[in-house]
Protein backbone atom coordinates (compact mmCIF):
# COMPACT_ATOMS: atom_id res chain seq x y z
CA UNK A 1 14.24 -12.21 -8.82
CA UNK A 2 11.79 -11.29 -6.03
CA UNK A 3 11.12 -7.88 -7.58
CA UNK A 4 10.35 -9.39 -10.97
CA UNK A 5 8.05 -11.98 -9.41
CA UNK A 6 6.13 -9.40 -7.34
CA UNK A 7 5.71 -7.04 -10.28
CA UNK A 8 4.52 -9.95 -12.45
CA UNK A 9 1.93 -10.93 -9.82
CA UNK A 10 0.72 -7.33 -9.65
CA UNK A 11 0.36 -7.05 -13.44
CA UNK A 12 -1.55 -10.34 -13.49
CA UNK A 13 -3.90 -9.01 -10.77
CA UNK A 14 -4.48 -5.85 -12.81
CA UNK A 15 -5.44 -7.91 -15.85
CA UNK A 16 -7.79 -10.12 -13.82
CA UNK A 17 -9.26 -7.06 -12.11
CA UNK A 18 -9.96 -5.37 -15.43
CA UNK A 19 -11.94 -8.43 -16.51
CA UNK A 20 -13.96 -8.39 -13.27
CA UNK A 21 -14.62 -4.69 -13.72
CA UNK A 22 -16.30 -5.25 -17.06
CA UNK A 23 -19.28 -6.58 -15.10
CA UNK A 24 -19.26 -4.67 -11.80
CA UNK A 25 -17.94 -1.05 -11.77
CA UNK A 26 -16.41 -1.48 -8.30
CA UNK A 27 -12.75 -1.14 -9.27
CA UNK A 28 -10.30 1.70 -8.63
CA UNK A 29 -6.64 2.33 -9.41
CA UNK A 30 -4.30 4.77 -7.70
CA UNK A 31 -0.82 6.19 -8.08
CA UNK A 32 0.94 7.48 -4.95
CA UNK A 33 4.12 9.05 -3.74
CA UNK A 34 5.47 7.13 -0.74
CA UNK A 35 7.51 8.75 2.03
CA UNK A 36 8.98 6.55 4.78
CA UNK A 37 9.37 8.34 8.11
CA UNK A 38 9.80 7.82 11.82
CA UNK A 39 12.36 6.32 14.14
CA UNK A 40 13.05 3.10 12.20
CA UNK A 41 15.79 1.81 9.92
CA UNK A 42 13.85 2.60 6.74
CA UNK A 43 12.53 6.03 7.78
CA UNK A 44 15.91 7.26 8.98
CA UNK A 45 17.94 5.96 6.03
CA UNK A 46 15.66 6.76 3.08
CA UNK A 47 14.73 10.41 2.65
CA UNK A 48 13.76 10.11 -0.99
CA UNK A 49 10.20 9.67 -2.26
CA UNK A 50 8.98 6.35 -3.55
CA UNK A 51 6.28 5.59 -6.07
CA UNK A 52 3.40 3.15 -5.57
CA UNK A 53 0.54 1.79 -7.63
CA UNK A 54 -2.55 0.08 -6.32
CA UNK A 55 -5.80 -1.55 -7.30
CA UNK A 56 -8.89 -2.01 -5.13
CA UNK A 57 -12.02 -4.06 -5.72
CA UNK A 58 -15.11 -3.45 -3.55
CA UNK A 59 -17.03 -6.71 -3.25
CA UNK A 60 -19.62 -5.46 -0.71
CA UNK A 61 -21.56 -2.22 -1.10
CA UNK A 62 -24.09 -1.62 1.69
CA UNK A 63 -25.66 1.83 1.66
CA UNK A 64 -22.65 4.12 2.19
CA UNK A 65 -20.23 1.40 3.34
CA UNK A 66 -17.85 -0.36 0.94
CA UNK A 67 -15.77 -3.39 1.86
CA UNK A 68 -13.08 -4.53 -0.50
CA UNK A 69 -9.68 -6.03 -1.18
CA UNK A 70 -6.60 -4.18 -2.35
CA UNK A 71 -3.18 -4.88 -3.80
CA UNK A 72 -0.36 -2.32 -3.75
CA UNK A 73 3.20 -2.35 -5.03
CA UNK A 74 5.73 0.36 -4.24
CA UNK A 75 9.36 1.22 -4.94
CA UNK A 76 11.22 3.42 -2.43
CA UNK A 77 14.58 5.00 -3.14
CA UNK A 78 16.77 4.06 -6.06
CA UNK A 79 15.13 0.64 -6.33
CA UNK A 80 16.42 -0.15 -2.82
CA UNK A 81 13.07 -1.17 -1.34
CA UNK A 82 10.20 -3.00 -3.02
CA UNK A 83 6.93 -3.18 -1.07
CA UNK A 84 3.97 -5.43 -1.72
CA UNK A 85 0.78 -5.18 0.34
CA UNK A 86 -2.50 -7.05 0.19
CA UNK A 87 -5.42 -6.35 2.47
CA UNK A 88 -9.07 -5.78 3.30
CA UNK A 89 -10.53 -2.30 3.64
CA UNK A 90 -13.69 -0.53 4.75
CA UNK A 91 -14.65 2.83 3.32
CA UNK A 92 -17.57 5.20 3.73
CA UNK A 93 -18.54 8.33 1.87
CA UNK A 94 -19.42 11.64 3.54
CA UNK A 95 -20.13 14.31 0.93
CA UNK A 96 -16.92 14.52 -1.16
CA UNK A 97 -14.79 12.68 1.43
CA UNK A 98 -14.22 8.95 1.89
CA UNK A 99 -12.38 7.97 5.07
CA UNK A 100 -11.12 4.39 5.14
CA UNK A 101 -9.27 1.84 7.22
CA UNK A 102 -7.44 -1.20 5.98
CA UNK A 103 -5.89 -4.29 7.52
CA UNK A 104 -3.44 -6.36 5.58
CA UNK A 105 -0.05 -7.95 5.28
CA UNK A 106 3.06 -6.37 3.75
CA UNK A 107 6.20 -7.84 2.24
CA UNK A 108 9.34 -5.73 1.85
CA UNK A 109 12.38 -6.69 -0.19
CA UNK A 110 15.45 -4.49 0.09
CA UNK A 111 19.07 -4.28 -0.99
CA UNK A 112 20.54 -2.10 1.75
CA UNK A 113 24.20 -2.57 2.68
CA UNK A 114 23.67 -1.89 6.39
CA UNK A 115 20.99 -4.63 6.80
CA UNK A 116 21.90 -8.31 7.00
CA UNK A 117 18.37 -9.57 6.18
CA UNK A 118 17.19 -8.78 2.63
CA UNK A 119 13.43 -9.07 3.17
CA UNK A 120 10.85 -8.79 5.88
CA UNK A 121 7.10 -8.91 6.33
CA UNK A 122 4.37 -8.23 8.82
CA UNK A 123 0.80 -7.11 9.47
CA UNK A 124 -0.23 -3.65 8.30
CA UNK A 125 -2.84 -1.11 9.32
CA UNK A 126 -3.75 1.64 6.87
CA UNK A 127 -5.72 4.82 7.62
CA UNK A 128 -6.64 7.19 4.83
CA UNK A 129 -8.88 9.79 3.31
CA UNK A 130 -10.00 10.25 -0.28
CA UNK A 131 -11.28 13.56 -1.65
CA UNK A 132 -13.48 13.15 -4.72
CA UNK A 133 -12.39 15.86 -7.18
CA UNK A 134 -14.71 14.60 -9.93
CA UNK A 135 -17.18 11.69 -9.85
CA UNK A 136 -14.47 9.22 -10.93
CA UNK A 137 -11.27 11.08 -9.94
CA UNK A 138 -10.00 11.34 -6.37
CA UNK A 139 -7.01 12.57 -4.36
CA UNK A 140 -5.73 10.21 -1.69
CA UNK A 141 -3.73 10.66 1.52
CA UNK A 142 -2.92 7.76 3.84
CA UNK A 143 -0.73 6.45 6.64
CA UNK A 144 0.59 2.88 6.78
CA UNK A 145 1.98 1.21 9.89
CA UNK A 146 3.79 -2.10 9.33
CA UNK A 147 4.94 -4.27 12.23
CA UNK A 148 7.83 -6.37 10.92
CA UNK A 149 8.60 -9.80 12.28
CA UNK A 150 12.19 -9.31 13.44
CA UNK A 151 14.51 -12.08 12.30
CA UNK A 152 17.92 -13.08 13.66
CA UNK A 153 20.52 -11.56 13.78
CA UNK A 154 18.56 -8.27 14.05
CA UNK A 155 17.69 -7.09 17.55
CA UNK A 156 13.95 -7.10 18.35
CA UNK A 157 13.48 -3.40 19.10
CA UNK A 158 10.94 -0.86 17.72
CA UNK A 159 13.64 0.63 15.44
CA UNK A 160 13.78 -2.68 13.55
CA UNK A 161 10.08 -3.58 13.52
CA UNK A 162 7.81 -0.46 13.45
CA UNK A 163 7.76 0.90 9.88
CA UNK A 164 5.72 3.99 8.96
CA UNK A 165 4.82 5.23 5.48
CA UNK A 166 3.01 8.36 4.32
CA UNK A 167 1.25 8.17 0.93
CA UNK A 168 -0.12 11.00 -1.23
CA UNK A 169 -1.58 10.53 -4.70
CA UNK A 170 -4.47 10.39 -7.12
CA UNK A 171 -6.79 7.65 -8.23
CA UNK A 172 -9.44 6.78 -10.76
CA UNK A 173 -12.63 4.83 -10.07
CA UNK A 174 -13.99 2.79 -12.96
């Protein structure tokens, strides 16, 4: 139920974003492989790659600084973990490179047998770098750190709250 709802919201945002783009040219889409890692219950129990899709809309463009909002949805493992992230980001362009930082909030829904809670959420920081292959095509590499709010009966230790994700993919700027 949660997965269907989150995917429906994402599709709706894509449709709305495509209508906004018709007037602004500040929209980008990306497709990424997601790899959880680190000393946490997701990184240690899920070695397989996930797949994520995202959309970003830059609403402020000052010289070489862009500020925007983004929405991302990802699936890790055999549909075990669904991630949904919304946030604000700042990006600058230096030659063919665009470093960026994002702050947001993530929601995770999972169906793992060894976890009593089936969802969690928390603030996210995202650091990344885009390499512009062509004027509208870019490669993307990023790191996400999510700090879960630990819920009972889980023990409030870093293993249960500090989630790390590595993302690698491509994107298209409209």
